[in-house]
Protein backbone atom coordinates (compact mmCIF):
# COMPACT_ATOMS: atom_id res chain seq x y z
CA MET A 1 -116.39 38.46 -10.20
CA THR A 2 -116.21 35.93 -13.01
CA SER A 3 -119.42 33.96 -12.54
CA PRO A 4 -119.69 30.32 -13.60
CA HIS A 5 -122.10 29.52 -16.40
CA GLU A 6 -125.58 28.92 -15.01
CA SER A 7 -126.93 26.44 -17.54
CA MET A 8 -125.25 24.28 -20.14
CA ARG A 9 -125.92 21.61 -22.69
CA LEU A 10 -123.83 18.44 -22.61
CA SER A 11 -123.33 16.68 -25.94
CA ILE A 12 -121.76 13.23 -25.96
CA THR A 13 -120.02 11.46 -28.83
CA ASN A 14 -117.68 8.48 -28.83
CA GLU A 15 -114.65 10.77 -28.88
CA HIS A 16 -115.70 13.90 -26.99
CA PHE A 17 -117.80 15.57 -24.33
CA TYR A 18 -119.00 18.99 -25.54
CA ILE A 19 -120.27 21.31 -22.83
CA GLN A 20 -121.86 24.40 -24.35
CA ALA A 21 -122.73 27.37 -22.16
CA LEU A 22 -126.30 28.38 -22.99
CA ASP A 23 -125.75 31.89 -21.65
CA SER A 24 -122.74 32.38 -23.94
CA GLN A 25 -122.83 30.94 -27.44
CA SER A 26 -119.07 31.40 -27.77
CA ASP A 27 -118.08 29.15 -24.82
CA ILE A 28 -117.82 25.43 -25.51
CA LEU A 29 -115.70 23.21 -23.28
CA VAL A 30 -114.41 20.28 -25.32
CA ILE A 31 -113.16 17.25 -23.40
CA ASP A 32 -111.34 14.70 -25.50
CA ARG A 33 -112.30 11.29 -24.16
CA VAL A 34 -109.25 9.68 -25.78
CA THR A 35 -106.39 12.11 -25.06
CA GLN A 36 -108.18 13.51 -21.95
CA ASP A 37 -107.30 17.07 -23.00
CA ASN A 38 -109.59 20.01 -22.18
CA SER A 39 -109.97 23.00 -24.49
CA LEU A 40 -112.23 26.03 -24.96
CA GLN A 41 -113.78 26.41 -28.38
CA ALA A 42 -116.08 29.04 -29.91
CA GLU A 43 -117.69 27.25 -32.84
CA PRO A 44 -121.18 25.80 -32.14
CA GLY A 45 -121.05 24.07 -35.50
CA LEU A 46 -118.32 21.69 -34.31
CA ILE A 47 -120.83 19.68 -32.22
CA PRO A 48 -122.00 16.73 -34.38
CA ALA A 49 -125.72 16.58 -35.01
CA ALA A 50 -125.75 12.91 -34.00
CA ALA A 51 -124.44 13.65 -30.50
CA ILE A 52 -126.50 12.62 -27.48
CA THR A 53 -127.50 15.82 -25.68
CA LYS A 54 -128.85 16.69 -22.25
CA ASN A 55 -129.14 19.86 -20.17
CA ILE A 56 -126.91 20.19 -17.14
CA TYR A 57 -126.53 22.87 -14.49
CA GLY A 58 -122.88 22.62 -13.61
CA ILE A 59 -119.75 20.50 -13.55
CA PHE A 60 -118.99 18.82 -10.23
CA GLY A 61 -115.56 17.87 -11.51
CA ILE A 62 -113.43 15.03 -12.78
CA ILE A 63 -112.33 12.03 -10.72
CA ARG A 64 -109.86 9.34 -11.79
CA LEU A 65 -110.57 5.72 -10.96
CA VAL A 66 -109.08 2.43 -12.14
CA ALA A 67 -110.90 2.64 -15.48
CA GLY A 68 -109.65 6.18 -16.03
CA PRO A 69 -111.29 9.59 -15.58
CA TYR A 70 -114.99 10.19 -14.98
CA LEU A 71 -116.87 13.44 -15.56
CA VAL A 72 -119.39 14.31 -12.83
CA VAL A 73 -122.17 16.73 -13.83
CA ILE A 74 -125.24 18.22 -12.13
CA THR A 75 -128.41 17.05 -13.88
CA ASN A 76 -131.02 18.54 -11.55
CA ARG A 77 -131.30 21.17 -8.84
CA ALA A 78 -133.77 22.87 -6.52
CA ARG A 79 -133.93 26.57 -5.81
CA VAL A 80 -133.39 27.21 -2.09
CA GLY A 81 -133.99 30.97 -2.18
CA GLU A 82 -132.08 34.22 -2.50
CA ILE A 83 -129.42 35.93 -0.45
CA ASN A 84 -128.71 39.56 -1.25
CA GLY A 85 -130.98 39.09 -4.27
CA GLN A 86 -128.91 36.21 -5.68
CA ALA A 87 -130.14 32.65 -6.12
CA VAL A 88 -128.81 29.70 -4.15
CA TRP A 89 -129.36 26.15 -5.38
CA LYS A 90 -129.30 22.66 -3.94
CA VAL A 91 -128.00 19.74 -6.00
CA THR A 92 -130.72 17.10 -6.36
CA ALA A 93 -129.28 14.82 -9.07
CA THR A 94 -125.89 14.09 -10.63
CA GLU A 95 -124.49 11.78 -13.29
CA VAL A 96 -121.06 10.15 -13.47
CA LEU A 97 -119.82 9.67 -17.06
CA SER A 98 -116.83 7.54 -17.99
CA TYR A 99 -114.32 8.80 -20.53
CA LYS A 100 -113.79 5.18 -21.58
CA ARG A 101 -116.55 3.62 -23.65
CA THR A 102 -115.91 0.13 -22.23
CA ILE A 103 -113.93 -1.49 -19.43
CA LEU A 104 -112.59 -4.33 -21.58
CA HIS A 105 -109.06 -3.12 -20.87
CA LEU A 106 -109.49 -4.12 -17.21
CA ASN A 107 -108.99 -7.56 -15.71
CA ASP A 108 -111.63 -8.98 -13.35
CA THR A 109 -110.01 -7.58 -10.20
CA GLN A 110 -109.65 -4.13 -11.69
CA ALA A 111 -113.24 -4.13 -12.95
CA GLN A 112 -114.50 -5.11 -9.51
CA ASP A 113 -112.38 -2.42 -7.84
CA ASN A 114 -113.59 0.19 -10.30
CA LYS A 115 -117.20 -0.74 -9.52
CA HIS A 116 -116.41 -0.40 -5.81
CA TYR A 117 -114.87 3.05 -6.33
CA LEU A 118 -117.91 4.18 -8.30
CA SER A 119 -120.16 3.10 -5.42
CA LEU A 120 -118.01 5.16 -3.04
CA VAL A 121 -118.37 8.24 -5.24
CA ASP A 122 -122.12 7.68 -5.27
CA ILE A 123 -122.21 7.55 -1.45
CA VAL A 124 -120.92 11.13 -1.23
CA LEU A 125 -122.95 12.45 -4.15
CA SER A 126 -126.12 11.06 -2.54
CA MET A 127 -125.58 12.94 0.74
CA ASP A 128 -128.31 15.37 -0.38
CA SER A 129 -126.61 18.42 1.12
CA PHE A 130 -124.57 20.07 -1.65
CA TYR A 131 -125.28 23.75 -2.34
CA TYR A 132 -123.97 26.37 -4.75
CA SER A 133 -124.62 29.77 -6.24
CA HIS A 134 -123.36 31.12 -9.54
CA THR A 135 -123.17 34.73 -8.36
CA TYR A 136 -122.95 34.71 -4.56
CA ASP A 137 -120.03 33.22 -2.66
CA ILE A 138 -121.82 31.06 -0.08
CA THR A 139 -118.50 29.78 1.33
CA HIS A 140 -117.87 33.15 3.02
CA SER A 141 -119.85 34.90 5.73
CA VAL A 142 -121.49 38.27 5.06
CA GLN A 143 -118.83 39.99 7.17
CA ARG A 144 -115.91 38.37 5.32
CA LEU A 145 -117.42 39.33 1.98
CA GLN A 146 -117.91 42.91 3.18
CA ASN A 147 -114.28 43.14 4.30
CA THR A 148 -112.68 41.85 1.09
CA SER A 149 -110.70 44.11 -1.20
CA PRO A 150 -112.08 45.23 -4.60
CA GLU A 151 -109.51 43.03 -6.37
CA PHE A 152 -110.95 40.01 -4.59
CA SER A 153 -114.38 40.63 -6.08
CA HIS A 154 -112.99 40.35 -9.63
CA MET A 155 -111.51 36.89 -9.08
CA PRO A 156 -113.21 33.77 -10.47
CA LEU A 157 -115.64 32.29 -7.98
CA HIS A 158 -113.63 29.12 -7.41
CA GLU A 159 -110.48 31.12 -6.62
CA ARG A 160 -112.11 33.44 -4.10
CA ALA A 161 -114.09 30.70 -2.36
CA ASP A 162 -112.93 29.58 1.10
CA PRO A 163 -111.06 26.30 0.46
CA ARG A 164 -112.20 24.96 3.84
CA PHE A 165 -115.73 24.70 2.53
CA VAL A 166 -115.27 23.72 -1.15
CA TRP A 167 -115.89 19.99 -1.34
CA ASN A 168 -115.10 19.59 -5.04
CA ASN A 169 -111.71 21.33 -5.03
CA HIS A 170 -109.93 18.05 -5.76
CA MET A 171 -112.35 17.15 -8.54
CA LEU A 172 -112.02 20.58 -10.19
CA ARG A 173 -108.21 20.60 -10.20
CA GLU A 174 -107.86 19.56 -13.86
CA LEU A 175 -110.13 22.39 -14.97
CA THR A 176 -108.77 25.07 -12.63
CA GLN A 177 -105.28 24.57 -14.05
CA GLN A 178 -106.53 26.27 -17.22
CA PRO A 179 -107.58 29.89 -16.40
CA GLU A 180 -109.69 30.14 -19.57
CA LEU A 181 -112.01 27.46 -18.13
CA ALA A 182 -112.84 29.45 -14.98
CA ARG A 183 -116.49 29.88 -15.92
CA PHE A 184 -116.92 26.10 -15.96
CA CYS A 185 -115.60 25.75 -12.39
CA LEU A 186 -118.44 25.77 -9.87
CA PRO A 187 -117.49 25.43 -6.17
CA MET A 188 -119.73 23.15 -4.10
CA MET A 189 -120.43 23.55 -0.40
CA LEU A 190 -121.58 20.66 1.79
CA GLY A 191 -123.75 21.54 4.75
CA PHE A 192 -127.15 23.14 5.18
CA VAL A 193 -128.94 26.18 3.72
CA GLU A 194 -132.44 27.32 4.61
CA MET A 195 -134.04 30.59 3.52
CA ARG A 196 -137.45 31.71 4.77
CA LYS A 197 -139.56 34.83 4.53
CA SER A 198 -141.19 35.97 7.76
CA SER A 199 -142.43 39.02 9.59
CA ILE A 200 -142.78 40.38 13.10
CA ASN A 201 -145.16 43.20 13.91
CA SER A 202 -145.86 43.65 10.17
CA ARG A 203 -142.13 44.14 9.40
CA PRO A 204 -141.19 41.57 6.71
CA PHE A 205 -137.67 40.14 6.50
CA ASN A 206 -135.64 37.28 5.07
CA TYR A 207 -134.31 34.74 7.55
CA ILE A 208 -131.34 32.58 6.47
CA VAL A 209 -129.28 29.87 8.17
CA ILE A 210 -126.16 28.50 6.45
CA SER A 211 -123.94 25.73 7.86
CA ARG A 212 -120.64 25.17 6.09
CA ARG A 213 -118.93 21.83 6.74
CA SER A 214 -115.14 21.87 6.48
CA CYS A 215 -113.55 19.45 4.02
CA PHE A 216 -110.34 19.45 6.12
CA ARG A 217 -110.22 16.49 8.52
CA ALA A 218 -113.57 15.39 7.18
CA GLY A 219 -115.04 12.03 7.94
CA THR A 220 -117.38 9.94 10.03
CA ARG A 221 -118.20 10.07 13.72
CA TYR A 222 -115.78 7.52 15.21
CA TYR A 223 -113.06 7.43 12.58
CA ILE A 224 -112.31 11.17 12.61
CA ARG A 225 -111.92 12.87 15.99
CA GLY A 226 -109.78 15.67 17.42
CA LEU A 227 -107.02 17.44 15.49
CA ASP A 228 -104.75 16.62 12.59
CA SER A 229 -101.13 17.72 12.22
CA GLU A 230 -102.16 21.04 10.66
CA GLY A 231 -104.55 21.99 13.43
CA HIS A 232 -107.77 21.16 11.58
CA ALA A 233 -110.51 19.87 13.86
CA ALA A 234 -112.88 17.03 13.06
CA ASN A 235 -116.53 17.91 12.36
CA PHE A 236 -115.73 21.60 12.04
CA VAL A 237 -118.82 23.51 10.92
CA GLU A 238 -119.32 27.25 10.55
CA THR A 239 -122.97 28.25 11.02
CA GLU A 240 -124.19 31.70 10.02
CA GLN A 241 -127.55 33.26 10.83
CA ILE A 242 -128.48 36.09 8.45
CA VAL A 243 -131.34 38.58 8.60
CA GLU A 244 -132.18 40.90 5.67
CA ILE A 245 -134.67 43.62 6.56
CA GLU A 246 -135.35 46.98 4.90
CA GLY A 247 -131.80 47.50 3.62
CA TYR A 248 -130.20 46.14 6.78
CA HIS A 249 -128.08 43.00 6.68
CA SER A 250 -127.15 41.29 9.94
CA SER A 251 -125.02 38.21 10.39
CA PHE A 252 -124.14 36.12 13.45
CA VAL A 253 -121.52 33.38 13.05
CA GLN A 254 -120.87 30.42 15.35
CA THR A 255 -118.56 27.45 14.97
CA ARG A 256 -118.45 23.89 16.22
CA GLY A 257 -115.58 21.43 16.19
CA SER A 258 -114.15 18.39 17.93
CA VAL A 259 -112.20 18.84 21.17
CA PRO A 260 -108.92 20.35 19.86
CA MET A 261 -106.55 17.68 21.13
CA TYR A 262 -105.02 14.57 19.57
CA TRP A 263 -107.46 11.77 20.39
CA ASN A 264 -109.46 9.01 18.78
CA GLN A 265 -112.46 6.84 19.58
CA ARG A 266 -112.39 3.87 17.23
CA PRO A 267 -115.52 1.71 16.96
CA ASN A 268 -115.20 -1.72 18.57
CA LEU A 269 -118.84 -2.89 18.97
CA LYS A 270 -119.16 -1.17 22.35
CA TYR A 271 -122.03 1.28 22.56
CA LYS A 272 -119.62 4.05 23.57
CA PRO A 273 -115.98 3.21 22.83
CA ASP A 274 -113.53 4.77 25.25
CA PRO A 275 -111.72 7.81 23.84
CA VAL A 276 -107.96 7.36 23.63
CA ILE A 277 -105.84 10.46 24.15
CA SER A 278 -102.51 10.33 22.30
CA GLN A 279 -99.39 10.06 24.42
CA SER A 280 -97.02 10.84 21.56
CA HIS A 281 -98.38 14.19 20.32
CA ASP A 282 -97.80 17.68 21.71
CA HIS A 283 -101.37 18.65 22.59
CA LEU A 284 -100.51 22.23 23.50
CA GLN A 285 -98.82 22.82 20.16
CA GLY A 286 -101.80 21.39 18.28
CA PHE A 287 -104.17 23.50 20.39
CA GLN A 288 -102.19 26.66 19.64
CA VAL A 289 -101.97 25.93 15.89
CA HIS A 290 -105.71 25.34 15.77
CA PHE A 291 -106.62 28.51 17.62
CA ALA A 292 -104.11 30.69 15.81
CA THR A 293 -106.15 29.98 12.68
CA GLN A 294 -109.47 30.37 14.46
CA ILE A 295 -108.52 33.73 15.96
CA TYR A 296 -107.24 34.92 12.58
CA ASN A 297 -110.51 33.90 10.89
CA TYR A 298 -113.00 34.89 13.57
CA GLY A 299 -111.43 36.92 16.38
CA LYS A 300 -111.99 36.10 20.05
CA GLN A 301 -112.92 32.49 20.86
CA VAL A 302 -115.47 31.71 23.56
CA LEU A 303 -115.19 27.96 24.02
CA VAL A 304 -118.47 26.45 25.19
CA ASN A 305 -117.60 22.93 26.35
CA LEU A 306 -120.71 20.78 26.94
CA LEU A 307 -118.90 17.54 27.80
CA ASP A 308 -119.80 15.48 30.89
CA GLN A 309 -117.52 16.35 33.78
CA LYS A 310 -117.34 12.71 34.84
CA GLY A 311 -116.67 9.33 33.29
CA PHE A 312 -114.66 8.94 30.11
CA GLU A 313 -115.48 12.47 28.90
CA LEU A 314 -113.76 13.94 31.98
CA ARG A 315 -110.33 13.14 30.50
CA LEU A 316 -111.11 15.36 27.54
CA VAL A 317 -112.58 18.06 29.79
CA SER A 318 -109.42 18.13 31.91
CA GLY A 319 -107.06 18.14 28.93
CA TYR A 320 -109.02 20.92 27.21
CA ALA A 321 -109.08 23.10 30.35
CA SER A 322 -105.37 22.53 30.90
CA ALA A 323 -104.54 23.61 27.34
CA VAL A 324 -106.63 26.79 27.72
CA GLU A 325 -104.93 27.65 31.00
CA THR A 326 -101.40 26.89 29.77
CA SER A 327 -101.84 28.84 26.54
CA ASN A 328 -102.69 31.95 28.58
CA ASN A 329 -104.25 33.61 25.54
CA ASP A 330 -106.51 36.58 26.32
CA LYS A 331 -108.47 35.88 23.12
CA ILE A 332 -109.56 32.45 24.39
CA GLN A 333 -112.24 32.10 27.05
CA LEU A 334 -113.50 28.74 28.29
CA GLU A 335 -117.09 28.28 29.47
CA ALA A 336 -117.70 24.74 30.73
CA PHE A 337 -121.28 23.52 31.14
CA ASP A 338 -122.06 19.89 32.02
CA PHE A 339 -125.14 19.61 29.80
CA HIS A 340 -126.28 16.17 30.90
CA HIS A 341 -125.82 16.89 34.61
CA GLU A 342 -127.50 20.29 34.56
CA CYS A 343 -130.44 19.15 32.41
CA LYS A 344 -130.93 15.68 33.90
CA LYS A 345 -134.48 14.43 34.50
CA MET A 346 -135.65 16.62 31.59
CA GLN A 347 -134.89 19.86 33.42
CA TRP A 348 -134.14 21.65 30.16
CA HIS A 349 -135.15 25.01 31.56
CA ARG A 350 -131.76 24.95 33.29
CA LEU A 351 -130.15 25.81 29.96
CA SER A 352 -130.87 29.37 31.04
CA LEU A 353 -127.91 28.94 33.41
CA LEU A 354 -125.64 28.70 30.37
CA THR A 355 -127.16 31.65 28.53
CA ASP A 356 -126.90 33.74 31.72
CA GLN A 357 -123.32 32.55 32.16
CA THR A 358 -122.41 33.71 28.64
CA ASP A 359 -124.46 36.94 28.47
CA ASP A 360 -121.43 39.21 28.81
CA ALA A 361 -119.51 37.18 26.22
CA GLN A 362 -122.33 37.45 23.69
CA THR A 363 -122.43 41.23 24.16
CA GLN A 364 -118.66 41.46 23.71
CA LEU A 365 -118.63 39.30 20.59
CA GLY A 366 -121.43 41.28 18.98
CA TYR A 367 -122.74 40.68 15.48
CA PHE A 368 -122.34 42.12 12.00
CA LEU A 369 -124.75 44.86 10.89
CA SER A 370 -124.80 47.00 7.75
CA ASN A 371 -127.31 49.37 6.19
CA ASN A 372 -127.37 49.59 2.40
CA GLY A 373 -123.72 48.53 2.26
CA THR A 374 -122.47 50.81 5.05
CA VAL A 375 -121.02 48.80 7.93
CA ILE A 376 -122.43 49.74 11.32
CA ASP A 377 -121.02 46.95 13.53
CA GLN A 378 -118.78 43.93 13.13
CA GLN A 379 -118.67 40.64 14.99
CA GLY A 380 -115.49 40.46 17.05
CA GLY A 381 -115.41 36.77 17.85
CA VAL A 382 -117.41 33.55 17.94
CA PHE A 383 -118.80 30.94 20.25
CA ARG A 384 -116.99 27.68 19.47
CA THR A 385 -119.27 25.00 20.88
CA ASN A 386 -118.51 21.32 21.32
CA CYS A 387 -119.81 18.18 22.95
CA ILE A 388 -118.35 14.72 22.29
CA ASP A 389 -119.75 14.57 18.74
CA CYS A 390 -120.43 18.31 18.24
CA LEU A 391 -123.94 17.40 17.10
CA ASP A 392 -126.90 17.11 19.44
CA ARG A 393 -126.06 19.10 22.57
CA THR A 394 -124.11 21.52 20.40
CA ASN A 395 -127.04 22.35 18.13
CA VAL A 396 -129.41 22.93 21.05
CA VAL A 397 -127.01 25.47 22.55
CA GLN A 398 -126.21 27.14 19.21
CA SER A 399 -129.92 27.73 18.63
CA LEU A 400 -130.13 29.47 22.03
CA PHE A 401 -127.27 31.82 21.13
CA ALA A 402 -128.87 32.44 17.73
CA ARG A 403 -132.15 33.46 19.39
CA LYS A 404 -130.34 35.93 21.64
CA HIS A 405 -128.78 37.52 18.53
CA LEU A 406 -132.24 37.94 17.03
CA GLN A 407 -133.61 39.36 20.26
CA ALA A 408 -130.90 42.02 20.33
CA LEU A 409 -131.17 42.79 16.60
CA PHE A 410 -134.95 43.13 16.45
CA THR A 411 -135.01 45.30 19.54
CA ARG A 412 -132.26 47.50 18.10
CA LEU A 413 -134.10 47.95 14.81
CA SER A 414 -137.43 48.56 16.60
CA VAL A 415 -138.96 45.48 15.01
CA MET A 416 -139.89 44.61 18.59
CA GLN A 417 -140.38 47.00 21.47
CA GLN A 418 -138.43 46.80 24.71
CA GLY A 419 -139.85 43.95 26.75
CA GLU A 420 -141.16 41.98 23.77
CA ARG A 421 -139.67 38.50 23.42
CA ILE A 422 -138.86 36.40 20.37
CA GLU A 423 -140.49 33.42 22.11
CA ASN A 424 -143.83 35.22 22.03
CA GLN A 425 -143.76 35.80 18.25
CA THR A 426 -145.64 32.58 17.61
CA SER A 427 -145.35 32.29 13.83
CA PHE A 428 -141.68 33.25 13.64
CA GLU A 429 -140.75 31.18 16.70
CA GLU A 430 -142.21 28.03 15.15
CA MET A 431 -140.30 28.66 11.92
CA PHE A 432 -137.08 29.47 13.80
CA ARG A 433 -137.24 26.25 15.82
CA ASN A 434 -137.89 24.07 12.79
CA VAL A 435 -135.06 25.62 10.77
CA TRP A 436 -132.59 24.94 13.58
CA ALA A 437 -133.89 21.41 14.04
CA ASP A 438 -133.48 20.80 10.30
CA ASN A 439 -129.96 22.18 10.56
CA ALA A 440 -129.27 19.74 13.40
CA ASP A 441 -130.55 16.82 11.36
CA ALA A 442 -128.45 17.75 8.31
CA CYS A 443 -125.21 18.11 10.30
CA ALA A 444 -125.85 14.88 12.19
CA LYS A 445 -126.60 12.83 9.06
CA GLN A 446 -123.36 13.97 7.45
CA TYR A 447 -121.21 12.96 10.45
CA ALA A 448 -123.09 10.25 12.37
CA GLY A 449 -125.45 8.85 9.73
CA THR A 450 -128.79 9.71 11.38
CA GLY A 451 -130.82 12.77 12.27
CA ALA A 452 -129.92 14.64 15.45
CA LEU A 453 -130.97 13.75 18.98
CA LYS A 454 -132.92 16.14 21.22
CA THR A 455 -134.62 17.85 18.26
CA ASP A 456 -137.98 17.65 20.04
CA PHE A 457 -136.64 20.38 22.34
CA THR A 458 -135.31 22.40 19.41
CA ARG A 459 -138.66 22.15 17.57
CA THR A 460 -141.00 22.74 20.52
CA GLY A 461 -138.98 24.44 23.25
CA LYS A 462 -139.52 21.60 25.70
CA ARG A 463 -138.66 17.93 26.04
CA GLN A 464 -141.58 15.78 24.85
CA PHE A 465 -142.41 12.31 26.15
CA TRP A 466 -141.75 10.87 22.68
CA GLY A 467 -138.37 12.63 22.39
CA PRO A 468 -136.34 10.01 24.29
CA LEU A 469 -138.07 7.24 22.31
CA LYS A 470 -137.10 8.82 19.00
CA ASP A 471 -133.58 9.41 20.33
CA GLY A 472 -133.37 5.75 21.29
CA VAL A 473 -134.24 4.68 17.74
CA ASN A 474 -131.65 7.08 16.29
CA CYS A 475 -129.03 5.83 18.76
CA ALA A 476 -129.68 2.23 17.69
CA ILE A 477 -129.37 3.19 14.02
CA ARG A 478 -126.19 5.13 14.74
CA TYR A 479 -124.74 2.10 16.49
CA ILE A 480 -125.32 -0.04 13.42
CA ILE A 481 -124.04 2.58 10.97
CA ASN A 482 -120.98 3.52 13.03
CA ASN A 483 -119.91 -0.10 13.53
CA PHE A 484 -120.86 -1.74 10.25
CA TYR A 485 -120.93 0.97 7.56
CA ASP A 486 -118.70 3.88 8.58
CA GLY A 487 -115.47 2.36 7.29
CA THR A 488 -116.98 2.41 3.81
CA ARG A 489 -118.39 5.93 4.33
CA GLN A 490 -114.94 7.09 5.43
CA ASP A 491 -113.39 5.59 2.30
CA ALA A 492 -115.97 7.42 0.20
CA ILE A 493 -115.12 10.79 1.75
CA ASP A 494 -111.36 10.24 1.45
CA LEU A 495 -111.68 9.23 -2.20
CA PHE A 496 -113.97 12.15 -3.02
CA LEU A 497 -111.72 14.75 -1.37
CA GLY A 498 -108.50 13.39 -2.83
CA ASN A 499 -107.13 12.13 0.49
CA TYR A 500 -106.80 8.84 -1.35
CA VAL A 501 -105.72 8.88 -5.01
CA VAL A 502 -106.47 5.80 -7.09
CA ASP A 503 -103.51 4.07 -8.68
CA GLU A 504 -104.56 2.84 -12.12
CA SER A 505 -102.10 -0.04 -11.77
CA GLU A 506 -104.22 -1.60 -9.01
CA GLY A 507 -104.93 -5.19 -9.90
CA LEU A 508 -101.74 -5.37 -11.99
CA SER A 509 -98.53 -4.28 -10.27
CA LYS A 510 -100.34 -3.22 -7.09
CA ALA A 511 -102.70 -5.25 -4.95
CA SER A 512 -106.31 -4.22 -4.61
CA PRO A 513 -107.01 -2.29 -1.37
CA PHE A 514 -110.31 -4.14 -1.08
CA GLN A 515 -108.75 -7.60 -0.88
CA THR A 516 -108.78 -8.85 2.71
CA ASP A 517 -107.73 -12.02 4.48
CA THR A 518 -110.68 -12.66 6.75
CA ASP A 519 -109.94 -14.50 9.98
CA LEU A 520 -111.87 -17.74 10.65
CA LYS A 521 -113.45 -16.27 13.79
CA PHE A 522 -115.15 -13.61 11.65
CA PHE A 523 -117.44 -16.35 10.34
CA ALA A 524 -117.28 -18.90 13.14
CA LEU A 525 -118.28 -16.74 16.11
CA PRO A 526 -121.39 -15.10 14.55
CA THR A 527 -122.49 -18.48 13.18
CA THR A 528 -122.04 -20.09 16.59
CA PHE A 529 -123.99 -17.30 18.24
CA ILE A 530 -126.90 -17.54 15.79
CA VAL A 531 -127.10 -21.33 16.06
CA ALA A 532 -126.81 -21.28 19.87
CA LEU A 533 -129.41 -18.52 20.23
CA SER A 534 -131.78 -20.39 17.91
CA MET A 535 -131.36 -23.58 19.89
CA THR A 536 -131.96 -21.68 23.13
CA MET A 537 -135.26 -20.35 21.79
CA ILE A 538 -136.26 -23.81 20.56
CA SER A 539 -135.41 -25.32 23.94
CA ILE A 540 -137.58 -22.73 25.67
CA LEU A 541 -140.54 -22.91 23.32
CA LEU A 542 -140.76 -26.67 22.74
CA PRO A 543 -142.06 -28.55 25.79
CA ASP A 544 -140.20 -31.60 27.05
CA GLU A 545 -141.58 -34.39 29.22
CA HIS A 546 -138.35 -34.34 31.20
CA LEU A 547 -138.08 -30.87 32.69
CA SER A 548 -134.52 -31.46 33.85
CA GLU A 549 -133.38 -32.26 30.31
CA GLN A 550 -135.15 -29.18 28.93
CA LEU A 551 -133.48 -27.04 31.58
CA PHE A 552 -130.12 -28.56 30.72
CA TYR A 553 -130.56 -27.70 27.02
CA ILE A 554 -131.64 -24.16 27.87
CA LEU A 555 -128.63 -23.62 30.09
CA PHE A 556 -126.24 -25.26 27.62
CA TRP A 557 -127.35 -23.36 24.55
CA GLY A 558 -127.90 -20.16 26.54
CA GLY A 559 -124.37 -20.43 27.88
CA ALA A 560 -123.03 -21.05 24.37
CA SER A 561 -124.92 -17.94 23.17
CA ALA A 562 -123.47 -15.83 25.97
CA LEU A 563 -119.92 -17.11 25.46
CA SER A 564 -119.96 -16.62 21.69
CA LEU A 565 -121.43 -13.12 22.09
CA ALA A 566 -118.78 -12.28 24.69
CA ALA A 567 -116.09 -13.50 22.29
CA ILE A 568 -117.50 -11.31 19.53
CA TYR A 569 -117.28 -8.26 21.80
CA PHE A 570 -113.80 -9.27 22.97
CA TYR A 571 -112.66 -9.29 19.35
CA GLY A 572 -114.83 -6.28 18.53
CA ASN A 573 -112.14 -4.53 16.49
CA ASP A 574 -112.17 -7.44 14.04
CA PHE A 575 -115.91 -7.21 13.40
CA VAL A 576 -116.39 -3.51 12.69
CA ASN A 577 -116.35 -2.08 9.19
CA LYS A 578 -112.93 -0.44 8.76
CA PRO A 579 -111.68 1.96 6.07
CA ARG A 580 -109.74 0.17 3.32
CA LEU A 581 -108.17 3.13 1.56
CA THR A 582 -105.11 3.47 3.76
CA GLN A 583 -102.90 5.54 1.48
CA ALA A 584 -101.17 7.96 3.84
CA ASN A 585 -102.59 11.45 3.99
CA PRO A 586 -100.20 13.84 5.78
CA LYS A 587 -103.10 15.86 7.17
CA THR A 588 -104.70 12.97 9.04
CA ASP A 589 -103.67 10.35 11.56
C-alpha cells in the first residue's frame, strides 16, 4: 500500500504553497496560488528562505468558494491508539488557507457570502470527530481487509478506502486526479474511535470500537430521513467491535440506519413533527435497492426495529414490515421490539426479552476470528438496528449485542470459564460501558446536535434517577438546535461533501443563496408575543387598587400572548432555520 506522508512542513509565499514531506526529502507538493496548478518537485532548494513555515500532519483537501480555492490542512492531532500495531489519529486542529492574498476582487455581497461559506466549512471541521491513519485503512472492517486481494493492498490508501466513509473525497478530488500526488491524499473518516487496553483473568487484550458514519445521505436529524434515490439511508453508521488478544483478532460489525422508506420529518416548531411518508415514490423498489447493497456488503440482515408500535411511529412500523414481507427475501429477517412499551416505568431489565428473542440470530450471524492471520471464522451477516433517530434506543441495544459477542469470544478463547459472565468482570465492564456511552454521544452529536439520551443505562447498567433529568435537558437543547440551527448545519455538510458546489459568479450574474425576503410576520409575531408576555407579567406582579382592572389586564395580555404564540406555531415552517443551499443533488430529495 502507498502510505500517505505522515508529517510535512508547509511553506507559504505570496505565489506558492510548498508542502514538503519530512519523511521523504524528494517529495515537495507545489501549489501555485495564481494559476492554481499542482505539481510534484524534488528540489528542497526551491523553497525561498523567506517563506513562512509551519508543521502540518496532513492535507484535508481543497474547497472552492466565492473568493476562489482554499487549502485545508491538519495543524494538530491526538494519538488515539494502535490497531494491528498501526497508529490511529484524531484531528484536533485545522487551518483554512486562501489561495488569494486579498478579497478586493469581490463586491460587498460576494465578500459577505464568502465569509458565510467559510463559517460553514468551520462548522464541519469543528465537529471534533475526524480520524485517520497513514498505514491502516480504518474505513474497512477487519474482515473486509482480510478478504481483499493482494492487488488491493498495493493501491494508494485513498483509492482503496471505502467511499461511503471518506468525508474528504470531494475536497481531495483535485489532488487525486494526479496519481503522482497519491502520498499527499489522506482519507478522513467521521465517526468515533476508542482504543483501550484491558485484561480479564490476567489475560491482557486490546479493546477497540470504531463507528464509521456514511457520507452518503448525510445530514441533520430532521432534514435528512429515510432513503435517497440510490438506496442510501440517512444516519447510516457501521460500528465495529474489535478484540486483539495473543495473536487472535476478532471483529463484530453492526449497522444502524434510518427506516429504509421514502419519508421526511421536517421541523416546524412542534416538539415531534409528524413523519410524512411519500405517496409518489416506490417504497418497495427503494427498500430492495438499499438491501441489495447491504446484503452484498454484509451478508444476512437481521432488522431490529425499535420503533413504537403506536402513534405516529406506527405508520413507519407498518410500512417497514410490509416491505419485508413483500420482498420475501430469505436474507432479511425482521425483529420488532417496542422499546418504549416494553421498558416503560424504567423496567429496563426487560431488554433481556430482545436479547433472548435474537439469540439464534446472533449465533447464525457469528463473528470474525483469525489467529496470526489465519481465518478461523467469518461474520455472515449483521444486526441492522433502528429507532426513529437511530441514536438513543439504537445504541443501548447495539451495546447489548456487542456484550454477547464478547461473552462468546472470551468463553471460546478460555479467557473466561463456562459460567463466568462479562457483567461480573468489574474493571472491564466499567470500561466497556463507558466506551459505548461515549460512542452514543459522538453519534448523537453528529446527527442531532447533543449527546445521546439514556446513556445513564449504558454507563451503569440501570436507569438512574438523574437519567431522565439529563435526558430532558438534552431534549430541550435538541429542540432548539433542530429548529433554529439545523438548516445552517445541513448547509455546512452539503457544502463540505460537494452536494452543493459554489458558483464563483454569485453576487454578479447569480443571486446570493443567502438573500431572503423575510415575511412581516417573522418579526411581528415574536415581537407581539414578547411584549404581551411582558405586560402579562407586569400586570400580575404590580398590584392595582382596582382588582377588576388588574384582572382585565391580565386576561387581555395573557390572551394576546396565547394568540401570538399559537400563530407562531401555526406558521411554524416559516420560523425554523432552513437550508439555503438548494442546488439540486440527484442523490437527495
